Amino acid sequence: MDLSAFPGLAPFLDPLALGIVGGGTALAVVLRTPLGDLARSVSALRVLGRKRFDADPLLSQITALTRIARRHGLIALDRSVIADADIAAAVEAAVDGASPADVAVLLQHRRMSRYERHRAAADVWTGMAEVAPAMGMIGTLIGLVGMFVAMKDPATIGSAMAVALLTTLYGAILASLVALPVASRLKRQSRHEAQERARLELPLAALASVEPAARGLREVAA
């Protein structure tokens, strides 16, 4: 990286300090995190720039599905194209004869499982925020040891002191300006999505009761 255009930043960039804090933090996170959660924590970065989850379009789709079921029975929903996994699972269960209570339990289970996965991904970033300052302190100790070793060579004291100071700085920046904000936003989005998806339970449970009601009306008419 050419720092000639940013001469003021040169004193704050040290490859050794970056390696100690960045590499040490990454290694600690990898060692303490299951691979599945680690992969989800990285892929979760894609949702940071997205709009917050809104259940209204899904509620409109459920309303349309309910109209179809009332006219043609639940079996007609087998031909419907449903992108949302929760709605698709609930409709499949209803078509197979699940009761409204069973559909509600299914949706609650899926919602909580999704929330736990999201929370595990956010916890990886929270753990990074906890580890980074510790890696900065380790780097500071390494730099201090280098200073004591180089006491007889004043020319090398400056680089050792830079490592001692910059690792603490890098650890604080990584924790406070990167890891904690990411973890906070992921947790906030996860809570919001869980609250929005809770709105889907009653309409989908009611959808599961459409077929018996329609059959009963036909029997009365006959």
Protein backbone atom coordinates (compact mmCIF):
# COMPACT_ATOMS: atom_id res chain seq x y z
CA MET A 1 0.00 0.00 0.00
CA ASP A 2 1.37 3.39 -1.04
CA LEU A 3 1.17 5.76 1.90
CA SER A 4 2.75 8.72 0.09
CA ALA A 5 -0.70 10.26 -0.45
CA PHE A 6 -1.47 9.92 3.27
CA PRO A 7 1.72 10.87 5.07
CA GLY A 8 -0.15 11.45 8.34
CA LEU A 9 -1.23 7.80 8.52
CA ALA A 10 2.23 6.28 8.16
CA PRO A 11 3.10 6.38 11.88
CA PHE A 12 -0.13 4.52 12.71
CA LEU A 13 0.45 1.57 10.37
CA ASP A 14 2.64 -1.29 11.48
CA PRO A 15 2.45 -4.73 9.81
CA LEU A 16 3.66 -6.59 12.90
CA ALA A 17 1.09 -4.93 15.15
CA LEU A 18 -1.65 -5.61 12.59
CA GLY A 19 -0.58 -9.24 12.37
CA ILE A 20 -0.60 -9.71 16.14
CA VAL A 21 -4.04 -8.17 16.69
CA GLY A 22 -5.76 -9.23 13.46
CA GLY A 23 -4.25 -12.68 13.23
CA GLY A 24 -4.53 -13.39 16.94
CA THR A 25 -8.17 -12.30 17.05
CA ALA A 26 -9.06 -14.37 13.99
CA LEU A 27 -7.30 -17.44 15.40
CA ALA A 28 -9.01 -17.10 18.79
CA VAL A 29 -12.44 -16.73 17.16
CA VAL A 30 -11.87 -19.77 14.93
CA LEU A 31 -10.75 -21.91 17.86
CA ARG A 32 -13.71 -21.00 20.06
CA THR A 33 -16.48 -21.10 17.42
CA PRO A 34 -18.16 -24.06 15.66
CA LEU A 35 -17.59 -23.96 11.91
CA GLY A 36 -21.30 -23.61 11.19
CA ASP A 37 -21.66 -20.54 13.38
CA LEU A 38 -18.45 -19.11 11.94
CA ALA A 39 -19.74 -19.45 8.38
CA ARG A 40 -23.08 -17.90 9.34
CA SER A 41 -21.35 -14.96 11.03
CA VAL A 42 -19.54 -14.15 7.79
CA SER A 43 -22.56 -14.63 5.54
CA ALA A 44 -24.64 -12.50 7.93
CA LEU A 45 -22.67 -9.45 6.82
CA ARG A 46 -24.74 -9.44 3.63
CA VAL A 47 -27.91 -8.50 5.54
CA LEU A 48 -26.45 -5.39 7.15
CA GLY A 49 -27.28 -3.25 4.14
CA ARG A 50 -30.72 -4.71 3.55
CA LYS A 51 -34.03 -3.24 4.60
CA ARG A 52 -35.57 -4.50 7.80
CA PHE A 53 -37.79 -7.55 7.45
CA ASP A 54 -41.43 -6.64 6.79
CA ALA A 55 -44.17 -9.23 7.19
CA ASP A 56 -46.85 -7.24 5.34
CA PRO A 57 -46.13 -8.72 1.87
CA LEU A 58 -46.22 -12.20 3.36
CA LEU A 59 -49.51 -11.47 5.10
CA SER A 60 -50.95 -10.39 1.75
CA GLN A 61 -49.79 -13.67 0.22
CA ILE A 62 -51.40 -15.64 3.07
CA THR A 63 -54.66 -13.78 2.45
CA ALA A 64 -54.52 -14.76 -1.23
CA LEU A 65 -53.77 -18.37 -0.33
CA THR A 66 -56.72 -18.40 2.08
CA ARG A 67 -59.05 -17.23 -0.70
CA ILE A 68 -57.82 -20.04 -2.94
CA ALA A 69 -58.32 -22.60 -0.16
CA ARG A 70 -61.86 -21.42 0.50
CA ARG A 71 -62.78 -21.75 -3.16
CA HIS A 72 -60.98 -24.93 -4.14
CA GLY A 73 -59.82 -26.55 -0.90
CA LEU A 74 -56.40 -26.75 0.67
CA ILE A 75 -55.24 -29.32 -1.87
CA ALA A 76 -55.24 -26.56 -4.48
CA LEU A 77 -52.38 -24.86 -2.64
CA ASP A 78 -50.03 -27.64 -3.77
CA ARG A 79 -49.68 -25.76 -7.06
CA SER A 80 -48.86 -22.41 -5.43
CA VAL A 81 -45.38 -20.94 -5.71
CA ILE A 82 -44.29 -19.91 -2.20
CA ALA A 83 -40.84 -18.39 -1.76
CA ASP A 84 -40.87 -17.97 2.02
CA ALA A 85 -39.75 -21.16 3.74
CA ASP A 86 -41.97 -20.72 6.81
CA ILE A 87 -45.14 -20.17 4.81
CA ALA A 88 -44.28 -23.07 2.52
CA ALA A 89 -43.78 -25.39 5.51
CA ALA A 90 -47.03 -24.26 7.13
CA VAL A 91 -49.02 -24.69 3.92
CA GLU A 92 -47.51 -28.13 3.33
CA ALA A 93 -48.46 -29.17 6.86
CA ALA A 94 -52.00 -27.82 6.44
CA VAL A 95 -52.45 -29.66 3.13
CA ASP A 96 -51.28 -32.85 4.84
CA GLY A 97 -54.01 -32.46 7.44
CA ALA A 98 -52.23 -30.73 10.33
CA SER A 99 -54.46 -28.97 12.82
CA PRO A 100 -54.25 -25.20 13.42
CA ALA A 101 -52.49 -25.89 16.73
CA ASP A 102 -49.92 -28.09 14.97
CA VAL A 103 -49.25 -25.39 12.38
CA ALA A 104 -48.79 -22.77 15.11
CA VAL A 105 -46.31 -25.00 16.95
CA LEU A 106 -44.43 -25.64 13.71
CA LEU A 107 -44.10 -21.92 13.01
CA GLN A 108 -43.03 -21.17 16.56
CA HIS A 109 -40.34 -23.84 16.34
CA ARG A 110 -39.04 -22.52 13.03
CA ARG A 111 -39.07 -18.94 14.30
CA MET A 112 -37.11 -19.81 17.43
CA SER A 113 -34.65 -21.95 15.49
CA ARG A 114 -33.99 -19.07 13.10
CA TYR A 115 -33.58 -16.65 16.01
CA GLU A 116 -31.06 -18.96 17.68
CA ARG A 117 -29.04 -19.24 14.47
CA HIS A 118 -29.02 -15.48 14.06
CA ARG A 119 -28.03 -14.98 17.69
CA ALA A 120 -25.18 -17.49 17.34
CA ALA A 121 -23.86 -15.55 14.34
CA ALA A 122 -24.04 -12.27 16.28
CA ASP A 123 -22.32 -13.88 19.25
CA VAL A 124 -19.30 -14.59 17.05
CA TRP A 125 -18.86 -10.85 16.52
CA THR A 126 -19.45 -10.20 20.21
CA GLY A 127 -16.71 -12.71 20.98
CA MET A 128 -14.41 -10.93 18.55
CA ALA A 129 -15.03 -7.69 20.42
CA GLU A 130 -14.03 -9.43 23.64
CA VAL A 131 -10.87 -10.98 22.18
CA ALA A 132 -9.48 -8.01 20.24
CA PRO A 133 -8.50 -5.87 23.28
CA ALA A 134 -6.83 -8.92 24.84
CA MET A 135 -4.81 -9.42 21.65
CA GLY A 136 -3.89 -5.74 21.84
CA MET A 137 -2.61 -6.25 25.38
CA ILE A 138 -0.60 -9.28 24.28
CA GLY A 139 0.92 -7.20 21.51
CA THR A 140 1.77 -4.48 24.04
CA LEU A 141 3.61 -7.03 26.18
CA ILE A 142 5.47 -8.31 23.13
CA GLY A 143 6.50 -4.77 22.26
CA LEU A 144 7.66 -4.06 25.81
CA VAL A 145 9.75 -7.22 25.82
CA GLY A 146 11.28 -6.08 22.53
CA MET A 147 12.08 -2.71 24.07
CA PHE A 148 13.87 -4.27 27.05
CA VAL A 149 15.83 -6.60 24.78
CA ALA A 150 16.89 -3.68 22.58
CA MET A 151 17.93 -1.32 25.37
CA LYS A 152 21.52 -1.42 24.17
CA ASP A 153 20.48 -0.54 20.59
CA PRO A 154 18.54 2.74 20.60
CA ALA A 155 17.83 2.41 16.87
CA THR A 156 15.46 -0.53 17.45
CA ILE A 157 13.67 0.83 20.52
CA GLY A 158 11.34 2.96 18.41
CA SER A 159 9.93 0.03 16.40
CA ALA A 160 9.37 -2.03 19.55
CA MET A 161 7.61 0.89 21.21
CA ALA A 162 5.43 1.34 18.13
CA VAL A 163 4.32 -2.29 18.36
CA ALA A 164 3.57 -1.88 22.07
CA LEU A 165 1.37 1.16 21.50
CA LEU A 166 -0.25 0.34 18.16
CA THR A 167 -1.44 -3.12 19.16
CA THR A 168 -3.47 -1.58 21.97
CA LEU A 169 -4.87 0.95 19.49
CA TYR A 170 -5.73 -1.72 16.92
CA GLY A 171 -7.43 -3.89 19.52
CA ALA A 172 -9.61 -1.01 20.69
CA ILE A 173 -10.52 0.00 17.13
CA LEU A 174 -11.35 -3.56 16.05
CA ALA A 175 -13.56 -4.10 19.10
CA SER A 176 -15.30 -0.72 19.31
CA LEU A 177 -15.64 0.32 15.67
CA VAL A 178 -16.01 -3.01 13.88
CA ALA A 179 -17.03 -6.04 15.95
CA LEU A 180 -19.43 -4.45 18.46
CA PRO A 181 -21.38 -2.40 15.87
CA VAL A 182 -21.77 -5.45 13.64
CA ALA A 183 -22.95 -7.62 16.56
CA SER A 184 -25.39 -4.95 17.71
CA ARG A 185 -26.95 -4.52 14.27
CA LEU A 186 -27.26 -8.27 13.72
CA LYS A 187 -29.00 -8.74 17.07
CA ARG A 188 -31.35 -5.84 16.41
CA GLN A 189 -32.32 -7.16 12.98
CA SER A 190 -32.82 -10.66 14.37
CA ARG A 191 -35.17 -9.45 17.11
CA HIS A 192 -37.15 -7.40 14.61
CA GLU A 193 -37.53 -10.32 12.19
CA ALA A 194 -38.66 -12.63 15.00
CA GLN A 195 -41.31 -10.10 16.04
CA GLU A 196 -42.51 -9.67 12.47
CA ARG A 197 -42.67 -13.41 11.81
CA ALA A 198 -44.80 -13.86 14.91
CA ARG A 199 -47.53 -11.99 13.00
CA LEU A 200 -47.72 -14.88 10.51
CA GLU A 201 -48.75 -17.53 13.02
CA LEU A 202 -52.44 -16.71 13.49
CA PRO A 203 -53.28 -16.28 9.77
CA LEU A 204 -51.46 -19.51 8.85
CA ALA A 205 -53.09 -21.41 11.72
CA ALA A 206 -56.47 -20.13 10.51
CA LEU A 207 -55.59 -21.28 7.00
CA ALA A 208 -55.22 -24.83 8.32
CA SER A 209 -58.87 -24.76 9.46
CA VAL A 210 -60.29 -23.68 6.09
CA GLU A 211 -60.66 -27.17 4.60
CA PRO A 212 -62.84 -28.64 7.37
CA ALA A 213 -65.07 -25.56 7.34
CA ALA A 214 -65.49 -25.68 3.57
CA ARG A 215 -66.25 -29.41 3.68
CA GLY A 216 -68.82 -28.84 6.40
CA LEU A 217 -70.60 -26.21 4.35
CA ARG A 218 -70.74 -28.52 1.36
CA GLU A 219 -72.18 -31.33 3.51
CA VAL A 220 -74.86 -28.99 4.89
CA ALA A 221 -75.76 -27.82 1.38
CA ALA A 222 -76.08 -31.42 0.20
